[in-house]
Amino acid sequence: MAVTAARMAQNLAVDEVCAELRNSASGAACNGFLKVRDAAEYLGLSPHTLYVWRHRRQGPPSFRMGPRGRVMYRREALDAWIHEQEQADSRSNPTLSPLVVGPEYRSGHMLDA
């Protein structure tokens, strides 16, 4: 139930950002492609962070588009990357939480009865 509420809040925030981007100068923002500045705003990061991550081959997938080689992000790829980050975090994914998993015993370890 909490995951659904969190997802709904995230979708609402995404819709708000998209509405702001529609009103801004970037016309291609809500057709599925985002420039670095728009992708950074969408993720709540600075454009510099995205440039650094791209240089280090980290972060969400990006590509170059057009004759000038402008760096672009697909909105679906950003959403998928966010989902991957959520699943990799033990606070968002109960199966990774060390508090849920019982103790592990080495093979041949005898329990005292």
Foldseek 3Di string as FASTA:
>chain_A
DVVVVVVVVLVVLLVVLLVVVCVDPDPCPPVFKDALCSLCVNVVHHSVVVVVCVVVVHDFDWFFDDPVRGIMDGPVSNVVRVVVVLCVDCVNNVVPPPVVDDDDDDPPDDDDD
